[in-house]
Amino acid sequence: MKVNDDGFLWPEEEKLVHHIIKTQEDGFAWDETEKGKFSADYFEPVIIPTVEHVPWVLRNIPIPRGVFDQVVEVIKAKIASGVYEPSNSSYRSRWFAVTKKDGKSIRIVHDLQPLNQVSIKDSALPPHVEPYAESFAGRACYGMFDLFVGFD
């Protein structure tokens, strides 16, 4: 695995990155079947507060016949990995499929505009960034991000 193409890391740092990746390999997902979800034992389900409203049932945007089978496969993969689960909800929002930048893969997009209209907005302001940024002056900073999930 190439982790230092630009030569930014020192050789010992590069070895450390390889070591961490190897020892923590179960924490990486390379396809939907490995992704999974957070355990309910550790993380409670997210509850979105809403104003009083009538549940909506919206007709879905038709799936083009040319990508129908591919969309079905994406949905089956999401069910198998636990991203999608059975539901008896009174709500039905629209969703549609778009082609990813590679021109082949499909991504499912959920239209959450009706939910956004009834959600109670969080009026809290984010903290001022300057005091946090100043405390990192002259120090090494590490970051974490998820390349696989992206907008899922």
N, C-alpha and C. Protein backbone atom coordinates (compact mmCIF):
# COMPACT_ATOMS: atom_id res chain seq x y z
N MET A 1 0.85 -1.18 0.00
CA MET A 1 0.00 0.00 0.00
C MET A 1 0.89 1.24 0.00
N LYS A 2 0.62 2.14 -0.91
CA LYS A 2 1.41 3.37 -0.99
C LYS A 2 0.82 4.40 -0.03
N VAL A 3 1.62 4.79 0.95
CA VAL A 3 1.15 5.79 1.90
C VAL A 3 2.04 7.03 1.91
N ASN A 4 3.11 7.02 1.13
CA ASN A 4 4.07 8.12 1.20
C ASN A 4 4.61 8.46 -0.18
N ASP A 5 3.72 8.57 -1.16
CA ASP A 5 4.16 8.84 -2.54
C ASP A 5 4.94 10.14 -2.67
N ASP A 6 4.56 11.14 -1.88
CA ASP A 6 5.21 12.44 -2.02
C ASP A 6 6.45 12.59 -1.13
N GLY A 7 6.78 11.55 -0.35
CA GLY A 7 7.97 11.61 0.49
C GLY A 7 7.84 12.50 1.70
N PHE A 8 6.61 12.85 2.10
CA PHE A 8 6.38 13.75 3.23
C PHE A 8 6.79 13.10 4.55
N LEU A 9 6.53 11.79 4.68
CA LEU A 9 6.85 11.09 5.93
C LEU A 9 8.30 10.64 5.96
N TRP A 10 8.87 10.61 7.16
CA TRP A 10 10.19 10.03 7.35
C TRP A 10 10.04 8.51 7.25
N PRO A 11 11.12 7.78 6.96
CA PRO A 11 11.03 6.32 6.83
C PRO A 11 10.42 5.64 8.06
N GLU A 12 10.78 6.09 9.25
CA GLU A 12 10.22 5.48 10.46
C GLU A 12 8.72 5.76 10.59
N GLU A 13 8.29 6.95 10.17
CA GLU A 13 6.86 7.27 10.20
C GLU A 13 6.10 6.40 9.20
N GLU A 14 6.69 6.19 8.05
CA GLU A 14 6.06 5.33 7.05
C GLU A 14 5.92 3.90 7.57
N LYS A 15 6.95 3.40 8.25
CA LYS A 15 6.88 2.06 8.84
C LYS A 15 5.77 2.00 9.90
N LEU A 16 5.64 3.08 10.68
CA LEU A 16 4.61 3.12 11.71
C LEU A 16 3.21 3.08 11.08
N VAL A 17 3.01 3.83 10.00
CA VAL A 17 1.71 3.82 9.31
C VAL A 17 1.39 2.42 8.82
N HIS A 18 2.36 1.76 8.20
CA HIS A 18 2.15 0.38 7.73
C HIS A 18 1.81 -0.55 8.89
N HIS A 19 2.53 -0.38 10.01
CA HIS A 19 2.28 -1.22 11.18
C HIS A 19 0.86 -1.01 11.71
N ILE A 20 0.44 0.24 11.83
CA ILE A 20 -0.91 0.53 12.34
C ILE A 20 -1.98 -0.02 11.41
N ILE A 21 -1.79 0.16 10.11
CA ILE A 21 -2.76 -0.37 9.15
C ILE A 21 -2.86 -1.89 9.28
N LYS A 22 -1.72 -2.55 9.43
CA LYS A 22 -1.71 -4.02 9.54
C LYS A 22 -2.38 -4.49 10.83
N THR A 23 -2.05 -3.84 11.96
CA THR A 23 -2.61 -4.29 13.24
C THR A 23 -4.08 -3.91 13.40
N GLN A 24 -4.55 -2.92 12.66
CA GLN A 24 -5.93 -2.46 12.78
C GLN A 24 -6.74 -2.77 11.51
N GLU A 25 -6.33 -3.77 10.75
CA GLU A 25 -6.96 -4.02 9.45
C GLU A 25 -8.45 -4.34 9.54
N ASP A 26 -8.91 -4.84 10.69
CA ASP A 26 -10.34 -5.12 10.83
C ASP A 26 -11.17 -3.84 10.90
N GLY A 27 -10.52 -2.71 11.11
CA GLY A 27 -11.22 -1.43 11.16
C GLY A 27 -11.45 -0.81 9.80
N PHE A 28 -10.94 -1.43 8.74
CA PHE A 28 -11.07 -0.89 7.38
C PHE A 28 -12.13 -1.67 6.62
N ALA A 29 -12.91 -0.98 5.82
CA ALA A 29 -13.91 -1.62 4.97
C ALA A 29 -13.58 -1.31 3.52
N TRP A 30 -13.59 -2.33 2.69
CA TRP A 30 -13.26 -2.15 1.27
C TRP A 30 -14.48 -2.36 0.38
N ASP A 31 -15.56 -2.89 0.94
CA ASP A 31 -16.82 -3.01 0.19
C ASP A 31 -17.98 -3.01 1.18
N GLU A 32 -19.21 -2.98 0.68
CA GLU A 32 -20.41 -2.87 1.52
C GLU A 32 -20.51 -3.98 2.57
N THR A 33 -20.07 -5.20 2.23
CA THR A 33 -20.23 -6.32 3.16
C THR A 33 -19.37 -6.16 4.40
N GLU A 34 -18.31 -5.39 4.33
CA GLU A 34 -17.42 -5.20 5.47
C GLU A 34 -17.77 -3.97 6.30
N LYS A 35 -18.66 -3.14 5.78
CA LYS A 35 -18.91 -1.84 6.40
C LYS A 35 -19.65 -1.95 7.73
N GLY A 36 -20.80 -2.56 7.76
CA GLY A 36 -21.56 -2.70 8.99
C GLY A 36 -22.13 -1.39 9.51
N LYS A 37 -22.46 -1.38 10.81
CA LYS A 37 -23.03 -0.19 11.44
C LYS A 37 -22.65 -0.19 12.92
N PHE A 38 -22.93 0.90 13.60
CA PHE A 38 -22.63 1.00 15.03
C PHE A 38 -23.52 0.05 15.81
N SER A 39 -22.97 -0.55 16.85
CA SER A 39 -23.73 -1.45 17.71
C SER A 39 -24.66 -0.65 18.62
N ALA A 40 -25.91 -1.10 18.73
CA ALA A 40 -26.87 -0.44 19.61
C ALA A 40 -26.46 -0.57 21.08
N ASP A 41 -25.55 -1.51 21.39
CA ASP A 41 -25.04 -1.65 22.76
C ASP A 41 -24.22 -0.44 23.17
N TYR A 42 -23.63 0.26 22.21
CA TYR A 42 -22.75 1.38 22.50
C TYR A 42 -23.31 2.73 22.05
N PHE A 43 -24.15 2.72 21.03
CA PHE A 43 -24.67 3.96 20.47
C PHE A 43 -26.19 3.87 20.36
N GLU A 44 -26.88 4.77 21.04
CA GLU A 44 -28.34 4.79 20.94
C GLU A 44 -28.76 5.30 19.56
N PRO A 45 -29.92 4.85 19.07
CA PRO A 45 -30.39 5.36 17.78
C PRO A 45 -30.59 6.88 17.84
N VAL A 46 -30.35 7.52 16.72
CA VAL A 46 -30.54 8.97 16.65
C VAL A 46 -32.03 9.27 16.55
N ILE A 47 -32.50 10.17 17.39
CA ILE A 47 -33.90 10.59 17.35
C ILE A 47 -33.91 12.05 16.92
N ILE A 48 -34.59 12.33 15.82
CA ILE A 48 -34.64 13.69 15.28
C ILE A 48 -35.91 14.36 15.79
N PRO A 49 -35.78 15.41 16.61
CA PRO A 49 -36.99 16.09 17.10
C PRO A 49 -37.70 16.83 15.97
N THR A 50 -39.02 16.73 15.96
CA THR A 50 -39.81 17.37 14.89
C THR A 50 -40.98 18.14 15.49
N VAL A 51 -41.51 19.07 14.72
CA VAL A 51 -42.75 19.74 15.09
C VAL A 51 -43.90 18.80 14.75
N GLU A 52 -45.08 19.08 15.29
CA GLU A 52 -46.24 18.25 14.98
C GLU A 52 -46.53 18.34 13.48
N HIS A 53 -46.79 17.19 12.87
CA HIS A 53 -47.01 17.16 11.42
C HIS A 53 -47.74 15.87 11.04
N VAL A 54 -48.19 15.82 9.81
CA VAL A 54 -48.84 14.63 9.27
C VAL A 54 -47.78 13.84 8.51
N PRO A 55 -47.65 12.52 8.77
CA PRO A 55 -46.67 11.72 8.03
C PRO A 55 -46.93 11.80 6.53
N TRP A 56 -45.86 11.74 5.75
CA TRP A 56 -45.98 11.85 4.30
C TRP A 56 -45.67 10.51 3.64
N VAL A 57 -46.35 10.28 2.55
CA VAL A 57 -46.10 9.11 1.71
C VAL A 57 -45.99 9.65 0.30
N LEU A 58 -44.77 9.70 -0.21
CA LEU A 58 -44.51 10.30 -1.52
C LEU A 58 -44.21 9.21 -2.54
N ARG A 59 -44.70 9.41 -3.75
CA ARG A 59 -44.39 8.48 -4.85
C ARG A 59 -42.91 8.62 -5.19
N ASN A 60 -42.31 7.49 -5.46
CA ASN A 60 -40.89 7.50 -5.79
C ASN A 60 -40.64 7.96 -7.22
N ILE A 61 -39.46 8.46 -7.44
CA ILE A 61 -39.02 8.84 -8.78
C ILE A 61 -38.74 7.54 -9.53
N PRO A 62 -39.29 7.35 -10.73
CA PRO A 62 -39.09 6.08 -11.45
C PRO A 62 -37.61 5.78 -11.69
N ILE A 63 -37.27 4.51 -11.60
CA ILE A 63 -35.90 4.05 -11.85
C ILE A 63 -35.79 3.72 -13.33
N PRO A 64 -34.85 4.31 -14.05
CA PRO A 64 -34.69 3.98 -15.48
C PRO A 64 -34.41 2.48 -15.67
N ARG A 65 -35.06 1.87 -16.64
CA ARG A 65 -34.90 0.44 -16.91
C ARG A 65 -33.43 0.04 -17.13
N GLY A 66 -32.65 0.93 -17.71
CA GLY A 66 -31.26 0.62 -18.01
C GLY A 66 -30.39 0.39 -16.79
N VAL A 67 -30.79 0.93 -15.64
CA VAL A 67 -29.99 0.78 -14.42
C VAL A 67 -30.76 0.04 -13.33
N PHE A 68 -31.95 -0.46 -13.65
CA PHE A 68 -32.80 -1.09 -12.65
C PHE A 68 -32.09 -2.23 -11.91
N ASP A 69 -31.50 -3.16 -12.66
CA ASP A 69 -30.82 -4.30 -12.03
C ASP A 69 -29.67 -3.86 -11.15
N GLN A 70 -28.95 -2.85 -11.59
CA GLN A 70 -27.82 -2.33 -10.82
C GLN A 70 -28.32 -1.69 -9.51
N VAL A 71 -29.43 -0.97 -9.58
CA VAL A 71 -30.02 -0.35 -8.38
C VAL A 71 -30.46 -1.43 -7.40
N VAL A 72 -31.08 -2.49 -7.91
CA VAL A 72 -31.52 -3.59 -7.05
C VAL A 72 -30.32 -4.21 -6.33
N GLU A 73 -29.20 -4.38 -7.04
CA GLU A 73 -27.99 -4.94 -6.42
C GLU A 73 -27.45 -4.03 -5.32
N VAL A 74 -27.48 -2.72 -5.55
CA VAL A 74 -27.01 -1.77 -4.53
C VAL A 74 -27.90 -1.88 -3.29
N ILE A 75 -29.21 -1.96 -3.49
CA ILE A 75 -30.14 -2.06 -2.36
C ILE A 75 -29.91 -3.37 -1.60
N LYS A 76 -29.74 -4.48 -2.32
CA LYS A 76 -29.48 -5.76 -1.66
C LYS A 76 -28.20 -5.71 -0.84
N ALA A 77 -27.16 -5.06 -1.37
CA ALA A 77 -25.89 -4.94 -0.64
C ALA A 77 -26.07 -4.12 0.63
N LYS A 78 -26.88 -3.07 0.56
CA LYS A 78 -27.12 -2.23 1.75
C LYS A 78 -27.94 -2.99 2.79
N ILE A 79 -28.86 -3.83 2.37
CA ILE A 79 -29.62 -4.66 3.30
C ILE A 79 -28.69 -5.67 3.96
N ALA A 80 -27.85 -6.33 3.16
CA ALA A 80 -26.94 -7.34 3.68
C ALA A 80 -25.94 -6.75 4.68
N SER A 81 -25.52 -5.51 4.48
CA SER A 81 -24.53 -4.90 5.38
C SER A 81 -25.18 -4.22 6.58
N GLY A 82 -26.51 -4.16 6.63
CA GLY A 82 -27.19 -3.56 7.77
C GLY A 82 -27.44 -2.07 7.65
N VAL A 83 -27.08 -1.47 6.52
CA VAL A 83 -27.35 -0.04 6.32
C VAL A 83 -28.85 0.18 6.17
N TYR A 84 -29.51 -0.68 5.40
CA TYR A 84 -30.97 -0.64 5.28
C TYR A 84 -31.52 -1.77 6.13
N GLU A 85 -32.64 -1.51 6.80
CA GLU A 85 -33.26 -2.54 7.62
C GLU A 85 -34.77 -2.48 7.43
N PRO A 86 -35.48 -3.55 7.78
CA PRO A 86 -36.94 -3.56 7.61
C PRO A 86 -37.59 -2.43 8.41
N SER A 87 -38.70 -1.91 7.89
CA SER A 87 -39.38 -0.80 8.54
C SER A 87 -40.88 -0.89 8.30
N ASN A 88 -41.64 -0.49 9.31
CA ASN A 88 -43.10 -0.36 9.20
C ASN A 88 -43.50 1.09 9.41
N SER A 89 -42.67 1.99 8.94
CA SER A 89 -42.86 3.42 9.17
C SER A 89 -44.09 3.95 8.45
N SER A 90 -44.66 5.01 9.02
CA SER A 90 -45.79 5.70 8.38
C SER A 90 -45.31 6.67 7.31
N TYR A 91 -44.00 6.80 7.17
CA TYR A 91 -43.41 7.77 6.24
C TYR A 91 -42.85 7.05 5.02
N ARG A 92 -42.88 7.77 3.91
CA ARG A 92 -42.20 7.27 2.72
C ARG A 92 -41.67 8.47 1.95
N SER A 93 -40.35 8.60 1.94
CA SER A 93 -39.71 9.70 1.22
C SER A 93 -39.23 9.21 -0.14
N ARG A 94 -39.01 10.14 -1.02
CA ARG A 94 -38.49 9.80 -2.36
C ARG A 94 -37.01 9.46 -2.26
N TRP A 95 -36.57 8.65 -3.20
CA TRP A 95 -35.15 8.40 -3.38
C TRP A 95 -34.93 8.17 -4.86
N PHE A 96 -33.69 8.33 -5.27
CA PHE A 96 -33.37 8.12 -6.68
C PHE A 96 -31.91 7.68 -6.79
N ALA A 97 -31.55 7.21 -7.96
CA ALA A 97 -30.19 6.72 -8.19
C ALA A 97 -29.46 7.67 -9.13
N VAL A 98 -28.20 7.91 -8.83
CA VAL A 98 -27.35 8.72 -9.71
C VAL A 98 -26.09 7.93 -10.02
N THR A 99 -25.52 8.23 -11.16
CA THR A 99 -24.27 7.59 -11.55
C THR A 99 -23.11 8.33 -10.90
N LYS A 100 -22.16 7.57 -10.34
CA LYS A 100 -20.99 8.18 -9.71
C LYS A 100 -20.04 8.71 -10.78
N LYS A 101 -18.99 9.39 -10.33
CA LYS A 101 -18.03 10.00 -11.26
C LYS A 101 -17.35 8.99 -12.17
N ASP A 102 -17.23 7.74 -11.72
CA ASP A 102 -16.57 6.74 -12.57
C ASP A 102 -17.41 6.37 -13.79
N GLY A 103 -18.66 6.83 -13.83
CA GLY A 103 -19.53 6.58 -14.98
C GLY A 103 -20.18 5.21 -14.98
N LYS A 104 -19.92 4.39 -13.96
CA LYS A 104 -20.46 3.03 -13.92
C LYS A 104 -21.26 2.76 -12.65
N SER A 105 -20.69 3.10 -11.51
CA SER A 105 -21.31 2.80 -10.23
C SER A 105 -22.54 3.67 -9.99
N ILE A 106 -23.42 3.16 -9.15
CA ILE A 106 -24.67 3.85 -8.81
C ILE A 106 -24.65 4.22 -7.33
N ARG A 107 -25.15 5.40 -7.02
CA ARG A 107 -25.33 5.84 -5.63
C ARG A 107 -26.81 6.15 -5.42
N ILE A 108 -27.33 5.69 -4.28
CA ILE A 108 -28.71 5.98 -3.92
C ILE A 108 -28.73 7.32 -3.17
N VAL A 109 -29.63 8.21 -3.57
CA VAL A 109 -29.78 9.51 -2.92
C VAL A 109 -31.19 9.59 -2.34
N HIS A 110 -31.28 9.90 -1.05
CA HIS A 110 -32.58 10.02 -0.38
C HIS A 110 -32.97 11.48 -0.30
N ASP A 111 -34.18 11.78 -0.74
CA ASP A 111 -34.70 13.15 -0.71
C ASP A 111 -35.29 13.41 0.68
N LEU A 112 -34.55 14.11 1.51
CA LEU A 112 -34.98 14.37 2.89
C LEU A 112 -35.58 15.76 3.08
N GLN A 113 -35.99 16.39 1.99
CA GLN A 113 -36.57 17.73 2.10
C GLN A 113 -37.82 17.77 3.00
N PRO A 114 -38.74 16.79 2.91
CA PRO A 114 -39.89 16.83 3.82
C PRO A 114 -39.47 16.73 5.30
N LEU A 115 -38.49 15.89 5.60
CA LEU A 115 -37.99 15.78 6.97
C LEU A 115 -37.34 17.09 7.42
N ASN A 116 -36.59 17.71 6.55
CA ASN A 116 -35.95 18.99 6.90
C ASN A 116 -36.99 20.06 7.24
N GLN A 117 -38.16 20.00 6.58
CA GLN A 117 -39.20 21.01 6.82
C GLN A 117 -39.84 20.89 8.20
N VAL A 118 -39.86 19.68 8.77
CA VAL A 118 -40.51 19.49 10.08
C VAL A 118 -39.51 19.30 11.21
N SER A 119 -38.22 19.22 10.91
CA SER A 119 -37.21 19.05 11.95
C SER A 119 -37.05 20.32 12.76
N ILE A 120 -36.89 20.15 14.06
CA ILE A 120 -36.62 21.29 14.93
C ILE A 120 -35.14 21.61 14.79
N LYS A 121 -34.87 22.83 14.38
CA LYS A 121 -33.49 23.23 14.10
C LYS A 121 -32.71 23.40 15.40
N ASP A 122 -31.44 23.04 15.36
CA ASP A 122 -30.55 23.23 16.50
C ASP A 122 -29.98 24.64 16.38
N SER A 123 -30.32 25.50 17.32
CA SER A 123 -29.90 26.90 17.22
C SER A 123 -28.54 27.16 17.87
N ALA A 124 -27.89 26.11 18.34
CA ALA A 124 -26.58 26.30 18.96
C ALA A 124 -25.57 26.77 17.91
N LEU A 125 -24.72 27.67 18.31
CA LEU A 125 -23.67 28.17 17.42
C LEU A 125 -22.41 27.35 17.60
N PRO A 126 -21.66 27.13 16.54
CA PRO A 126 -20.40 26.41 16.71
C PRO A 126 -19.43 27.27 17.53
N PRO A 127 -18.49 26.63 18.22
CA PRO A 127 -17.54 27.40 19.03
C PRO A 127 -16.60 28.21 18.13
N HIS A 128 -16.00 29.25 18.72
CA HIS A 128 -15.01 30.03 17.99
C HIS A 128 -13.79 29.15 17.73
N VAL A 129 -13.33 29.15 16.51
CA VAL A 129 -12.24 28.27 16.10
C VAL A 129 -10.87 28.79 16.52
N GLU A 130 -10.70 30.09 16.60
CA GLU A 130 -9.38 30.67 16.84
C GLU A 130 -8.68 30.13 18.09
N PRO A 131 -9.34 30.06 19.26
CA PRO A 131 -8.63 29.54 20.44
C PRO A 131 -8.13 28.11 20.26
N TYR A 132 -8.92 27.28 19.56
CA TYR A 132 -8.50 25.90 19.33
C TYR A 132 -7.33 25.86 18.36
N ALA A 133 -7.42 26.62 17.30
CA ALA A 133 -6.36 26.63 16.29
C ALA A 133 -5.05 27.14 16.88
N GLU A 134 -5.11 28.18 17.71
CA GLU A 134 -3.89 28.73 18.32
C GLU A 134 -3.21 27.71 19.22
N SER A 135 -3.98 26.87 19.89
CA SER A 135 -3.37 25.88 20.79
C SER A 135 -2.60 24.80 20.04
N PHE A 136 -2.80 24.69 18.73
CA PHE A 136 -2.08 23.70 17.93
C PHE A 136 -0.83 24.26 17.26
N ALA A 137 -0.55 25.52 17.47
CA ALA A 137 0.61 26.15 16.81
C ALA A 137 1.89 25.41 17.17
N GLY A 138 2.66 25.05 16.15
CA GLY A 138 3.94 24.38 16.34
C GLY A 138 3.85 22.93 16.74
N ARG A 139 2.67 22.33 16.66
CA ARG A 139 2.51 20.93 17.06
C ARG A 139 2.14 20.07 15.85
N ALA A 140 2.39 18.79 15.98
CA ALA A 140 1.99 17.84 14.94
C ALA A 140 0.49 17.58 15.07
N CYS A 141 -0.20 17.55 13.97
CA CYS A 141 -1.64 17.31 13.97
C CYS A 141 -1.95 16.07 13.14
N TYR A 142 -2.81 15.22 13.66
CA TYR A 142 -3.23 14.03 12.94
C TYR A 142 -4.73 14.11 12.70
N GLY A 143 -5.17 13.52 11.63
CA GLY A 143 -6.59 13.55 11.31
C GLY A 143 -7.09 12.17 10.94
N MET A 144 -8.41 12.03 10.99
CA MET A 144 -9.06 10.79 10.60
C MET A 144 -10.22 11.11 9.68
N PHE A 145 -10.42 10.29 8.67
CA PHE A 145 -11.58 10.48 7.81
C PHE A 145 -11.93 9.15 7.17
N ASP A 146 -13.11 9.09 6.62
CA ASP A 146 -13.63 7.86 6.07
C ASP A 146 -13.75 7.99 4.56
N LEU A 147 -12.85 7.34 3.83
CA LEU A 147 -12.87 7.42 2.37
C LEU A 147 -13.95 6.54 1.75
N PHE A 148 -14.34 5.49 2.46
CA PHE A 148 -15.28 4.54 1.87
C PHE A 148 -16.72 5.03 1.94
N VAL A 149 -17.15 5.46 3.10
CA VAL A 149 -18.55 5.79 3.28
C VAL A 149 -18.92 7.09 2.58
N GLY A 150 -18.10 8.11 2.71
CA GLY A 150 -18.38 9.37 2.04
C GLY A 150 -19.71 9.95 2.46
N PHE A 151 -20.69 9.95 1.56
CA PHE A 151 -21.99 10.56 1.84
C PHE A 151 -23.06 9.53 2.15
N ASP A 152 -22.71 8.33 2.50
CA ASP A 152 -23.69 7.28 2.72
C ASP A 152 -24.40 7.47 4.05
